[in-house]
Amino acid sequence: MNRILGIIILIVTLYLGFLLGYSIPPFIHAGVFSDREEKGVEILVDEEMEKYYEKLYEDDEDE
């Protein structure tokens, strides 16, 4: 019984470590855990990309 419990704890620990490994780096990149006043990542949208998205919205409205 103790061996089975140990295996279950090991599997759960490895799974949680895997999930934390994928979730914490984006938070660090966005500055969530820092002292910065402005949180998040800057997204740069140029005029060409803006026109592309406006055109997508126009196509949806026509249908």
N, C-alpha and C. Protein backbone atom coordinates (compact mmCIF):
# COMPACT_ATOMS: atom_id res chain seq x y z
N MET A 1 0.82 -1.19 0.00
CA MET A 1 0.00 0.00 0.00
C MET A 1 0.87 1.26 0.00
N ASN A 2 1.94 1.27 0.79
CA ASN A 2 2.82 2.44 0.84
C ASN A 2 3.52 2.67 -0.50
N ARG A 3 3.86 1.56 -1.16
CA ARG A 3 4.54 1.68 -2.45
C ARG A 3 3.61 2.28 -3.50
N ILE A 4 2.35 1.87 -3.50
CA ILE A 4 1.37 2.41 -4.45
C ILE A 4 1.14 3.90 -4.19
N LEU A 5 1.02 4.27 -2.92
CA LEU A 5 0.83 5.67 -2.56
C LEU A 5 2.04 6.50 -3.01
N GLY A 6 3.23 5.97 -2.84
CA GLY A 6 4.44 6.66 -3.28
C GLY A 6 4.46 6.86 -4.79
N ILE A 7 4.03 5.85 -5.53
CA ILE A 7 3.99 5.95 -6.99
C ILE A 7 2.97 7.01 -7.42
N ILE A 8 1.82 7.03 -6.76
CA ILE A 8 0.79 8.02 -7.09
C ILE A 8 1.30 9.42 -6.80
N ILE A 9 1.93 9.61 -5.66
CA ILE A 9 2.48 10.93 -5.31
C ILE A 9 3.55 11.35 -6.32
N LEU A 10 4.38 10.43 -6.74
CA LEU A 10 5.42 10.73 -7.73
C LEU A 10 4.81 11.15 -9.06
N ILE A 11 3.80 10.42 -9.51
CA ILE A 11 3.16 10.75 -10.79
C ILE A 11 2.48 12.11 -10.72
N VAL A 12 1.77 12.38 -9.64
CA VAL A 12 1.09 13.67 -9.48
C VAL A 12 2.12 14.80 -9.42
N THR A 13 3.22 14.60 -8.71
CA THR A 13 4.27 15.62 -8.61
C THR A 13 4.89 15.90 -9.97
N LEU A 14 5.17 14.86 -10.73
CA LEU A 14 5.75 15.06 -12.07
C LEU A 14 4.77 15.79 -12.98
N TYR A 15 3.51 15.43 -12.92
CA TYR A 15 2.50 16.09 -13.76
C TYR A 15 2.35 17.57 -13.39
N LEU A 16 2.30 17.88 -12.10
CA LEU A 16 2.19 19.27 -11.67
C LEU A 16 3.44 20.06 -12.05
N GLY A 17 4.60 19.45 -11.94
CA GLY A 17 5.83 20.11 -12.37
C GLY A 17 5.82 20.42 -13.86
N PHE A 18 5.30 19.49 -14.64
CA PHE A 18 5.18 19.70 -16.08
C PHE A 18 4.25 20.87 -16.37
N LEU A 19 3.10 20.92 -15.71
CA LEU A 19 2.15 22.00 -15.93
C LEU A 19 2.72 23.35 -15.49
N LEU A 20 3.40 23.39 -14.37
CA LEU A 20 4.01 24.63 -13.90
C LEU A 20 5.11 25.10 -14.84
N GLY A 21 5.83 24.17 -15.42
CA GLY A 21 6.89 24.51 -16.37
C GLY A 21 6.36 25.20 -17.60
N TYR A 22 5.12 24.90 -17.99
CA TYR A 22 4.52 25.56 -19.14
C TYR A 22 3.77 26.83 -18.77
N SER A 23 3.33 26.98 -17.53
CA SER A 23 2.51 28.14 -17.19
C SER A 23 3.29 29.29 -16.58
N ILE A 24 4.37 29.04 -15.88
CA ILE A 24 5.10 30.13 -15.21
C ILE A 24 5.92 30.99 -16.17
N PRO A 25 6.65 30.45 -17.16
CA PRO A 25 7.44 31.33 -18.05
C PRO A 25 6.64 32.42 -18.76
N PRO A 26 5.42 32.17 -19.26
CA PRO A 26 4.67 33.29 -19.86
C PRO A 26 4.33 34.38 -18.84
N PHE A 27 4.05 33.99 -17.60
CA PHE A 27 3.78 34.99 -16.58
C PHE A 27 5.03 35.84 -16.32
N ILE A 28 6.19 35.21 -16.29
CA ILE A 28 7.43 35.95 -16.07
C ILE A 28 7.70 36.88 -17.25
N HIS A 29 7.47 36.40 -18.47
CA HIS A 29 7.68 37.22 -19.67
C HIS A 29 6.76 38.43 -19.67
N ALA A 30 5.53 38.27 -19.20
CA ALA A 30 4.56 39.36 -19.18
C ALA A 30 4.78 40.30 -18.00
N GLY A 31 5.65 39.95 -17.08
CA GLY A 31 5.95 40.83 -15.96
C GLY A 31 4.96 40.74 -14.81
N VAL A 32 4.24 39.66 -14.70
CA VAL A 32 3.25 39.51 -13.65
C VAL A 32 3.91 39.48 -12.27
N PHE A 33 5.06 38.86 -12.16
CA PHE A 33 5.73 38.73 -10.87
C PHE A 33 6.79 39.81 -10.64
N SER A 34 6.77 40.87 -11.45
CA SER A 34 7.77 41.92 -11.30
C SER A 34 7.15 43.16 -10.68
N ASP A 35 7.98 44.17 -10.47
CA ASP A 35 7.51 45.41 -9.87
C ASP A 35 7.10 46.44 -10.93
N ARG A 36 7.05 46.02 -12.18
CA ARG A 36 6.64 46.95 -13.24
C ARG A 36 5.21 47.43 -13.00
N GLU A 37 4.95 48.69 -13.31
CA GLU A 37 3.60 49.21 -13.16
C GLU A 37 2.68 48.69 -14.25
N GLU A 38 3.20 48.64 -15.48
CA GLU A 38 2.39 48.19 -16.60
C GLU A 38 2.69 46.72 -16.87
N LYS A 39 1.69 45.88 -16.71
CA LYS A 39 1.85 44.45 -16.93
C LYS A 39 1.49 44.11 -18.38
N GLY A 40 2.02 43.03 -18.87
CA GLY A 40 1.66 42.56 -20.20
C GLY A 40 2.79 42.70 -21.19
N VAL A 41 2.52 42.26 -22.40
CA VAL A 41 3.49 42.28 -23.48
C VAL A 41 2.98 43.23 -24.55
N GLU A 42 3.86 44.07 -25.05
CA GLU A 42 3.47 45.04 -26.07
C GLU A 42 3.21 44.33 -27.39
N ILE A 43 2.10 44.66 -28.01
CA ILE A 43 1.75 44.08 -29.30
C ILE A 43 1.81 45.19 -30.34
N LEU A 44 2.64 45.00 -31.33
CA LEU A 44 2.81 46.00 -32.38
C LEU A 44 1.96 45.61 -33.59
N VAL A 45 1.07 46.51 -34.01
CA VAL A 45 0.22 46.28 -35.17
C VAL A 45 0.48 47.41 -36.15
N ASP A 46 1.00 47.06 -37.33
CA ASP A 46 1.25 48.08 -38.33
C ASP A 46 -0.01 48.30 -39.18
N GLU A 47 0.05 49.27 -40.07
CA GLU A 47 -1.13 49.63 -40.87
C GLU A 47 -1.58 48.49 -41.77
N GLU A 48 -0.64 47.76 -42.32
CA GLU A 48 -0.99 46.66 -43.22
C GLU A 48 -1.78 45.58 -42.48
N MET A 49 -1.35 45.25 -41.28
CA MET A 49 -2.04 44.25 -40.50
C MET A 49 -3.42 44.76 -40.06
N GLU A 50 -3.51 46.03 -39.75
CA GLU A 50 -4.79 46.63 -39.36
C GLU A 50 -5.79 46.55 -40.51
N LYS A 51 -5.34 46.84 -41.73
CA LYS A 51 -6.20 46.74 -42.90
C LYS A 51 -6.64 45.30 -43.14
N TYR A 52 -5.73 44.37 -42.92
CA TYR A 52 -6.05 42.95 -43.10
C TYR A 52 -7.20 42.54 -42.18
N TYR A 53 -7.13 42.94 -40.91
CA TYR A 53 -8.17 42.57 -39.97
C TYR A 53 -9.49 43.30 -40.25
N GLU A 54 -9.42 44.54 -40.70
CA GLU A 54 -10.64 45.25 -41.07
C GLU A 54 -11.32 44.55 -42.24
N LYS A 55 -10.52 44.07 -43.18
CA LYS A 55 -11.07 43.34 -44.33
C LYS A 55 -11.73 42.03 -43.88
N LEU A 56 -11.15 41.37 -42.89
CA LEU A 56 -11.76 40.14 -42.37
C LEU A 56 -13.12 40.43 -41.76
N TYR A 57 -13.22 41.53 -41.02
CA TYR A 57 -14.50 41.88 -40.41
C TYR A 57 -15.54 42.23 -41.48
N GLU A 58 -15.13 42.88 -42.55
CA GLU A 58 -16.05 43.22 -43.62
C GLU A 58 -16.59 41.96 -44.28
N ASP A 59 -15.75 40.95 -44.47
CA ASP A 59 -16.19 39.72 -45.09
C ASP A 59 -17.23 39.01 -44.21
N ASP A 60 -17.08 39.05 -42.89
CA ASP A 60 -18.03 38.42 -41.99
C ASP A 60 -19.37 39.11 -41.99
N GLU A 61 -19.38 40.43 -42.14
CA GLU A 61 -20.63 41.18 -42.14
C GLU A 61 -21.45 40.93 -43.40
N ASP A 62 -20.78 40.64 -44.52
CA ASP A 62 -21.49 40.41 -45.78
C ASP A 62 -22.26 39.09 -45.76
N GLU A 63 -21.81 38.12 -45.00
CA GLU A 63 -22.45 36.79 -45.03
C GLU A 63 -23.67 36.73 -44.23
